[in-house]
Amino acid sequence: MFTNGLKETESSVVEIRDFDESTMRNVIHFLYVNVLPEDATIDIDLLAASDFFGLSSLKEIVEQRLPSALDVGNAVDIMAASFKFNSKSLQTKSINFVRNNIDVIQEFQEWKDFSYRYPEMVMDVMARAFMSE
């Protein structure tokens, strides 16, 4: 499979440092059977891996199932990931969740950090949130 003197040719090992073992097991399982294992953790890491490897069908599954994991503790991270990985459906759902829970979420350090780092995105989020009311 590997040629041209790559170290993988010698070792028969491909090292992927971007994702943890659990995420990679889920990706590899999906590649072989086109479904996720029943015990797969649907999280931002799996969204990132599906985007990184260009697995649009896996990305769609994650986008559909990740909103059920939204809570006040992870909503900002999921919302940020939805922008980073250009997931329109996840953006809509996470923005609505943030809007509906802004009184609690604005107290979290993640929101403060997000607001400081991405003020233009916060303006976009707030505009979308209040336009949909």
N, C-alpha and C. Protein backbone atom coordinates (compact mmCIF):
# COMPACT_ATOMS: atom_id res chain seq x y z
N MET A 1 0.82 -1.19 0.00
CA MET A 1 0.00 0.00 0.00
C MET A 1 0.87 1.26 0.00
N PHE A 2 1.90 1.29 0.83
CA PHE A 2 2.77 2.45 0.89
C PHE A 2 4.05 2.18 0.13
N THR A 3 4.50 3.15 -0.64
CA THR A 3 5.72 3.01 -1.43
C THR A 3 6.59 4.24 -1.23
N ASN A 4 7.65 4.29 -1.99
CA ASN A 4 8.54 5.45 -2.00
C ASN A 4 9.25 5.70 -0.68
N GLY A 5 9.60 4.64 0.03
CA GLY A 5 10.42 4.77 1.22
C GLY A 5 9.76 5.37 2.43
N LEU A 6 8.45 5.37 2.49
CA LEU A 6 7.77 5.89 3.67
C LEU A 6 8.02 4.96 4.85
N LYS A 7 8.10 5.53 6.04
CA LYS A 7 8.33 4.70 7.23
C LYS A 7 7.22 3.69 7.45
N GLU A 8 6.00 4.01 6.97
CA GLU A 8 4.88 3.09 7.09
C GLU A 8 5.12 1.81 6.29
N THR A 9 5.91 1.91 5.20
CA THR A 9 6.24 0.75 4.39
C THR A 9 7.06 -0.24 5.21
N GLU A 10 7.97 0.28 5.98
CA GLU A 10 8.85 -0.57 6.79
C GLU A 10 8.13 -1.14 8.00
N SER A 11 7.33 -0.34 8.66
CA SER A 11 6.73 -0.75 9.93
C SER A 11 5.34 -1.37 9.80
N SER A 12 4.67 -1.16 8.68
CA SER A 12 3.28 -1.60 8.48
C SER A 12 2.34 -0.97 9.51
N VAL A 13 2.72 0.19 10.01
CA VAL A 13 1.92 0.91 11.00
C VAL A 13 1.69 2.33 10.49
N VAL A 14 0.44 2.77 10.56
CA VAL A 14 0.12 4.15 10.24
C VAL A 14 -0.30 4.82 11.53
N GLU A 15 0.44 5.85 11.91
CA GLU A 15 0.15 6.54 13.16
C GLU A 15 -0.68 7.78 12.88
N ILE A 16 -1.84 7.85 13.53
CA ILE A 16 -2.73 9.00 13.40
C ILE A 16 -2.83 9.64 14.77
N ARG A 17 -2.27 10.81 14.90
CA ARG A 17 -2.22 11.47 16.22
C ARG A 17 -3.35 12.46 16.44
N ASP A 18 -4.12 12.74 15.40
CA ASP A 18 -5.15 13.77 15.51
C ASP A 18 -6.37 13.34 16.31
N PHE A 19 -6.59 12.01 16.41
CA PHE A 19 -7.80 11.51 17.05
C PHE A 19 -7.47 10.38 18.01
N ASP A 20 -8.28 10.25 19.05
CA ASP A 20 -8.03 9.20 20.03
C ASP A 20 -8.43 7.83 19.48
N GLU A 21 -8.04 6.81 20.19
CA GLU A 21 -8.26 5.43 19.74
C GLU A 21 -9.74 5.12 19.55
N SER A 22 -10.57 5.55 20.48
CA SER A 22 -12.00 5.28 20.40
C SER A 22 -12.61 5.89 19.14
N THR A 23 -12.24 7.12 18.84
CA THR A 23 -12.75 7.78 17.64
C THR A 23 -12.31 7.03 16.39
N MET A 24 -11.04 6.65 16.34
CA MET A 24 -10.53 5.94 15.17
C MET A 24 -11.17 4.57 15.02
N ARG A 25 -11.43 3.89 16.13
CA ARG A 25 -12.13 2.60 16.04
C ARG A 25 -13.51 2.78 15.42
N ASN A 26 -14.20 3.82 15.83
CA ASN A 26 -15.53 4.10 15.27
C ASN A 26 -15.44 4.43 13.78
N VAL A 27 -14.44 5.21 13.39
CA VAL A 27 -14.27 5.57 11.97
C VAL A 27 -13.96 4.32 11.15
N ILE A 28 -13.04 3.51 11.63
CA ILE A 28 -12.66 2.30 10.88
C ILE A 28 -13.84 1.34 10.78
N HIS A 29 -14.58 1.17 11.87
CA HIS A 29 -15.77 0.32 11.84
C HIS A 29 -16.75 0.84 10.79
N PHE A 30 -16.96 2.14 10.78
CA PHE A 30 -17.87 2.74 9.80
C PHE A 30 -17.38 2.50 8.38
N LEU A 31 -16.08 2.61 8.15
CA LEU A 31 -15.53 2.38 6.82
C LEU A 31 -15.79 0.96 6.32
N TYR A 32 -15.75 0.01 7.23
CA TYR A 32 -15.94 -1.38 6.84
C TYR A 32 -17.41 -1.77 6.64
N VAL A 33 -18.31 -1.28 7.50
CA VAL A 33 -19.69 -1.76 7.46
C VAL A 33 -20.73 -0.66 7.23
N ASN A 34 -20.28 0.57 7.10
CA ASN A 34 -21.15 1.71 6.79
C ASN A 34 -22.19 2.00 7.87
N VAL A 35 -21.95 1.55 9.07
CA VAL A 35 -22.76 1.91 10.24
C VAL A 35 -21.81 2.07 11.42
N LEU A 36 -22.25 2.84 12.40
CA LEU A 36 -21.46 2.99 13.61
C LEU A 36 -21.74 1.84 14.56
N PRO A 37 -20.77 1.49 15.39
CA PRO A 37 -21.05 0.49 16.42
C PRO A 37 -22.15 1.00 17.36
N GLU A 38 -22.89 0.09 17.93
CA GLU A 38 -23.99 0.49 18.83
C GLU A 38 -23.49 1.32 20.01
N ASP A 39 -22.27 1.04 20.46
CA ASP A 39 -21.73 1.75 21.63
C ASP A 39 -20.88 2.96 21.25
N ALA A 40 -20.96 3.40 19.99
CA ALA A 40 -20.15 4.53 19.53
C ALA A 40 -20.51 5.79 20.29
N THR A 41 -19.50 6.53 20.68
CA THR A 41 -19.71 7.83 21.30
C THR A 41 -19.84 8.86 20.18
N ILE A 42 -20.98 9.53 20.16
CA ILE A 42 -21.21 10.58 19.16
C ILE A 42 -20.80 11.89 19.82
N ASP A 43 -19.70 12.45 19.35
CA ASP A 43 -19.17 13.65 19.97
C ASP A 43 -18.47 14.53 18.94
N ILE A 44 -17.91 15.62 19.41
CA ILE A 44 -17.22 16.56 18.53
C ILE A 44 -16.02 15.91 17.86
N ASP A 45 -15.35 15.01 18.56
CA ASP A 45 -14.19 14.33 17.96
C ASP A 45 -14.60 13.51 16.74
N LEU A 46 -15.74 12.83 16.83
CA LEU A 46 -16.21 12.04 15.69
C LEU A 46 -16.64 12.96 14.54
N LEU A 47 -17.23 14.09 14.86
CA LEU A 47 -17.56 15.08 13.84
C LEU A 47 -16.28 15.56 13.15
N ALA A 48 -15.27 15.86 13.94
CA ALA A 48 -13.99 16.33 13.39
C ALA A 48 -13.35 15.27 12.51
N ALA A 49 -13.37 14.02 12.95
CA ALA A 49 -12.76 12.94 12.17
C ALA A 49 -13.51 12.73 10.86
N SER A 50 -14.84 12.78 10.91
CA SER A 50 -15.61 12.59 9.68
C SER A 50 -15.32 13.70 8.69
N ASP A 51 -15.14 14.91 9.19
CA ASP A 51 -14.80 16.03 8.33
C ASP A 51 -13.38 15.89 7.79
N PHE A 52 -12.45 15.53 8.66
CA PHE A 52 -11.04 15.39 8.29
C PHE A 52 -10.84 14.35 7.19
N PHE A 53 -11.53 13.22 7.31
CA PHE A 53 -11.37 12.13 6.35
C PHE A 53 -12.36 12.23 5.18
N GLY A 54 -13.19 13.27 5.17
CA GLY A 54 -14.12 13.47 4.08
C GLY A 54 -15.21 12.42 3.99
N LEU A 55 -15.65 11.95 5.15
CA LEU A 55 -16.69 10.91 5.21
C LEU A 55 -18.05 11.59 5.40
N SER A 56 -18.63 12.06 4.31
CA SER A 56 -19.85 12.86 4.39
C SER A 56 -21.02 12.07 4.98
N SER A 57 -21.11 10.79 4.69
CA SER A 57 -22.24 10.02 5.25
C SER A 57 -22.08 9.85 6.76
N LEU A 58 -20.86 9.67 7.23
CA LEU A 58 -20.63 9.61 8.68
C LEU A 58 -20.90 10.97 9.31
N LYS A 59 -20.47 12.01 8.65
CA LYS A 59 -20.69 13.37 9.17
C LYS A 59 -22.18 13.65 9.31
N GLU A 60 -22.97 13.22 8.34
CA GLU A 60 -24.43 13.42 8.42
C GLU A 60 -25.03 12.69 9.62
N ILE A 61 -24.55 11.49 9.87
CA ILE A 61 -25.04 10.72 11.03
C ILE A 61 -24.72 11.46 12.32
N VAL A 62 -23.48 11.93 12.42
CA VAL A 62 -23.06 12.66 13.63
C VAL A 62 -23.88 13.94 13.78
N GLU A 63 -24.08 14.66 12.68
CA GLU A 63 -24.86 15.90 12.72
C GLU A 63 -26.30 15.64 13.17
N GLN A 64 -26.85 14.50 12.81
CA GLN A 64 -28.22 14.17 13.21
C GLN A 64 -28.31 13.76 14.67
N ARG A 65 -27.28 13.06 15.16
CA ARG A 65 -27.36 12.50 16.51
C ARG A 65 -26.73 13.37 17.59
N LEU A 66 -25.78 14.22 17.23
CA LEU A 66 -25.10 15.06 18.22
C LEU A 66 -26.03 16.03 18.94
N PRO A 67 -27.02 16.61 18.29
CA PRO A 67 -27.91 17.54 19.01
C PRO A 67 -28.59 16.92 20.24
N SER A 68 -28.80 15.63 20.24
CA SER A 68 -29.43 15.00 21.42
C SER A 68 -28.51 15.04 22.63
N ALA A 69 -27.23 15.30 22.41
CA ALA A 69 -26.28 15.39 23.52
C ALA A 69 -26.11 16.83 24.02
N LEU A 70 -26.77 17.79 23.37
CA LEU A 70 -26.63 19.18 23.79
C LEU A 70 -27.09 19.38 25.23
N ASP A 71 -26.25 20.05 25.99
CA ASP A 71 -26.64 20.49 27.32
C ASP A 71 -25.92 21.81 27.59
N VAL A 72 -26.24 22.46 28.70
CA VAL A 72 -25.66 23.78 28.95
C VAL A 72 -24.14 23.72 29.12
N GLY A 73 -23.63 22.57 29.48
CA GLY A 73 -22.18 22.43 29.67
C GLY A 73 -21.39 22.25 28.39
N ASN A 74 -22.02 21.76 27.32
CA ASN A 74 -21.27 21.52 26.08
C ASN A 74 -21.80 22.31 24.88
N ALA A 75 -22.85 23.06 25.06
CA ALA A 75 -23.50 23.75 23.94
C ALA A 75 -22.56 24.69 23.19
N VAL A 76 -21.73 25.41 23.91
CA VAL A 76 -20.81 26.36 23.26
C VAL A 76 -19.78 25.60 22.43
N ASP A 77 -19.26 24.51 22.96
CA ASP A 77 -18.27 23.72 22.22
C ASP A 77 -18.89 23.11 20.96
N ILE A 78 -20.11 22.59 21.10
CA ILE A 78 -20.78 22.00 19.94
C ILE A 78 -21.11 23.09 18.91
N MET A 79 -21.54 24.25 19.38
CA MET A 79 -21.83 25.34 18.47
C MET A 79 -20.57 25.77 17.72
N ALA A 80 -19.47 25.91 18.45
CA ALA A 80 -18.20 26.30 17.81
C ALA A 80 -17.79 25.25 16.77
N ALA A 81 -17.95 23.98 17.11
CA ALA A 81 -17.61 22.90 16.17
C ALA A 81 -18.51 22.95 14.93
N SER A 82 -19.77 23.31 15.13
CA SER A 82 -20.69 23.38 13.99
C SER A 82 -20.22 24.43 12.98
N PHE A 83 -19.64 25.51 13.46
CA PHE A 83 -19.09 26.53 12.56
C PHE A 83 -17.79 26.04 11.95
N LYS A 84 -16.93 25.47 12.77
CA LYS A 84 -15.62 25.01 12.30
C LYS A 84 -15.75 23.97 11.19
N PHE A 85 -16.72 23.07 11.34
CA PHE A 85 -16.88 21.98 10.37
C PHE A 85 -18.04 22.21 9.41
N ASN A 86 -18.52 23.46 9.36
CA ASN A 86 -19.53 23.89 8.40
C ASN A 86 -20.76 22.99 8.39
N SER A 87 -21.31 22.80 9.56
CA SER A 87 -22.51 21.96 9.70
C SER A 87 -23.71 22.86 9.95
N LYS A 88 -24.42 23.18 8.89
CA LYS A 88 -25.55 24.12 8.98
C LYS A 88 -26.65 23.61 9.91
N SER A 89 -27.00 22.33 9.81
CA SER A 89 -28.08 21.80 10.66
C SER A 89 -27.68 21.83 12.13
N LEU A 90 -26.43 21.51 12.41
CA LEU A 90 -25.95 21.55 13.79
C LEU A 90 -25.84 22.99 14.29
N GLN A 91 -25.48 23.90 13.40
CA GLN A 91 -25.46 25.32 13.78
C GLN A 91 -26.84 25.76 14.23
N THR A 92 -27.83 25.45 13.44
CA THR A 92 -29.20 25.87 13.76
C THR A 92 -29.64 25.31 15.11
N LYS A 93 -29.42 24.02 15.30
CA LYS A 93 -29.87 23.39 16.55
C LYS A 93 -29.09 23.90 17.76
N SER A 94 -27.78 24.09 17.61
CA SER A 94 -26.99 24.56 18.75
C SER A 94 -27.27 26.03 19.05
N ILE A 95 -27.48 26.84 18.02
CA ILE A 95 -27.82 28.25 18.23
C ILE A 95 -29.16 28.35 18.95
N ASN A 96 -30.13 27.56 18.53
CA ASN A 96 -31.43 27.57 19.21
C ASN A 96 -31.30 27.14 20.66
N PHE A 97 -30.47 26.13 20.91
CA PHE A 97 -30.27 25.67 22.28
C PHE A 97 -29.62 26.78 23.12
N VAL A 98 -28.59 27.43 22.56
CA VAL A 98 -27.91 28.51 23.28
C VAL A 98 -28.91 29.64 23.55
N ARG A 99 -29.69 30.01 22.54
CA ARG A 99 -30.68 31.08 22.72
C ARG A 99 -31.64 30.74 23.85
N ASN A 100 -32.13 29.51 23.87
CA ASN A 100 -33.11 29.11 24.87
C ASN A 100 -32.52 28.97 26.27
N ASN A 101 -31.20 28.90 26.35
CA ASN A 101 -30.54 28.69 27.64
C ASN A 101 -29.47 29.74 27.93
N ILE A 102 -29.55 30.88 27.26
CA ILE A 102 -28.49 31.89 27.36
C ILE A 102 -28.28 32.39 28.78
N ASP A 103 -29.33 32.46 29.59
CA ASP A 103 -29.17 32.94 30.96
C ASP A 103 -28.20 32.08 31.75
N VAL A 104 -28.22 30.78 31.52
CA VAL A 104 -27.31 29.86 32.22
C VAL A 104 -25.96 29.80 31.50
N ILE A 105 -26.00 29.67 30.17
CA ILE A 105 -24.78 29.47 29.38
C ILE A 105 -23.83 30.65 29.49
N GLN A 106 -24.36 31.87 29.56
CA GLN A 106 -23.48 33.04 29.61
C GLN A 106 -22.62 33.09 30.87
N GLU A 107 -22.98 32.30 31.86
CA GLU A 107 -22.19 32.24 33.08
C GLU A 107 -20.99 31.29 32.97
N PHE A 108 -20.98 30.42 31.96
CA PHE A 108 -19.90 29.45 31.79
C PHE A 108 -18.67 30.13 31.20
N GLN A 109 -17.52 29.68 31.63
CA GLN A 109 -16.26 30.21 31.12
C GLN A 109 -16.12 29.95 29.61
N GLU A 110 -16.65 28.84 29.14
CA GLU A 110 -16.57 28.53 27.71
C GLU A 110 -17.24 29.62 26.87
N TRP A 111 -18.38 30.13 27.34
CA TRP A 111 -19.07 31.21 26.62
C TRP A 111 -18.24 32.48 26.65
N LYS A 112 -17.67 32.78 27.80
CA LYS A 112 -16.84 33.99 27.92
C LYS A 112 -15.63 33.89 27.00
N ASP A 113 -14.98 32.72 26.99
CA ASP A 113 -13.83 32.52 26.11
C ASP A 113 -14.23 32.62 24.64
N PHE A 114 -15.34 31.97 24.30
CA PHE A 114 -15.85 32.00 22.93
C PHE A 114 -16.16 33.44 22.52
N SER A 115 -16.81 34.18 23.39
CA SER A 115 -17.17 35.57 23.09
C SER A 115 -15.94 36.45 22.89
N TYR A 116 -14.92 36.19 23.68
CA TYR A 116 -13.69 36.97 23.57
C TYR A 116 -12.93 36.64 22.28
N ARG A 117 -12.84 35.34 21.96
CA ARG A 117 -12.10 34.91 20.78
C ARG A 117 -12.84 35.18 19.48
N TYR A 118 -14.15 35.08 19.51
CA TYR A 118 -14.93 35.17 18.27
C TYR A 118 -16.09 36.17 18.40
N PRO A 119 -15.80 37.43 18.65
CA PRO A 119 -16.90 38.38 18.85
C PRO A 119 -17.82 38.50 17.63
N GLU A 120 -17.24 38.39 16.43
CA GLU A 120 -18.08 38.47 15.23
C GLU A 120 -19.01 37.27 15.11
N MET A 121 -18.56 36.11 15.58
CA MET A 121 -19.40 34.93 15.55
C MET A 121 -20.52 35.04 16.58
N VAL A 122 -20.22 35.64 17.73
CA VAL A 122 -21.24 35.85 18.75
C VAL A 122 -22.33 36.77 18.19
N MET A 123 -21.92 37.80 17.47
CA MET A 123 -22.90 38.70 16.86
C MET A 123 -23.76 37.94 15.85
N ASP A 124 -23.14 37.08 15.06
CA ASP A 124 -23.87 36.26 14.09
C ASP A 124 -24.84 35.32 14.80
N VAL A 125 -24.37 34.68 15.86
CA VAL A 125 -25.21 33.76 16.64
C VAL A 125 -26.40 34.51 17.22
N MET A 126 -26.14 35.64 17.82
CA MET A 126 -27.23 36.40 18.44
C MET A 126 -28.22 36.92 17.38
N ALA A 127 -27.70 37.36 16.26
CA ALA A 127 -28.59 37.83 15.19
C ALA A 127 -29.48 36.69 14.71
N ARG A 128 -28.90 35.53 14.49
CA ARG A 128 -29.69 34.36 14.05
C ARG A 128 -30.71 33.96 15.11
N ALA A 129 -30.25 33.99 16.34
CA ALA A 129 -31.13 33.56 17.45
C ALA A 129 -32.35 34.46 17.55
N PHE A 130 -32.14 35.73 17.46
CA PHE A 130 -33.26 36.64 17.66
C PHE A 130 -34.09 36.85 16.40
N MET A 131 -33.51 36.57 15.23
CA MET A 131 -34.27 36.65 13.99
C MET A 131 -35.27 35.51 13.89
N SER A 132 -34.95 34.38 14.52
CA SER A 132 -35.82 33.21 14.41
C SER A 132 -36.94 33.22 15.44
N GLU A 133 -36.98 34.21 16.30
CA GLU A 133 -38.05 34.28 17.31
C GLU A 133 -39.37 34.69 16.70
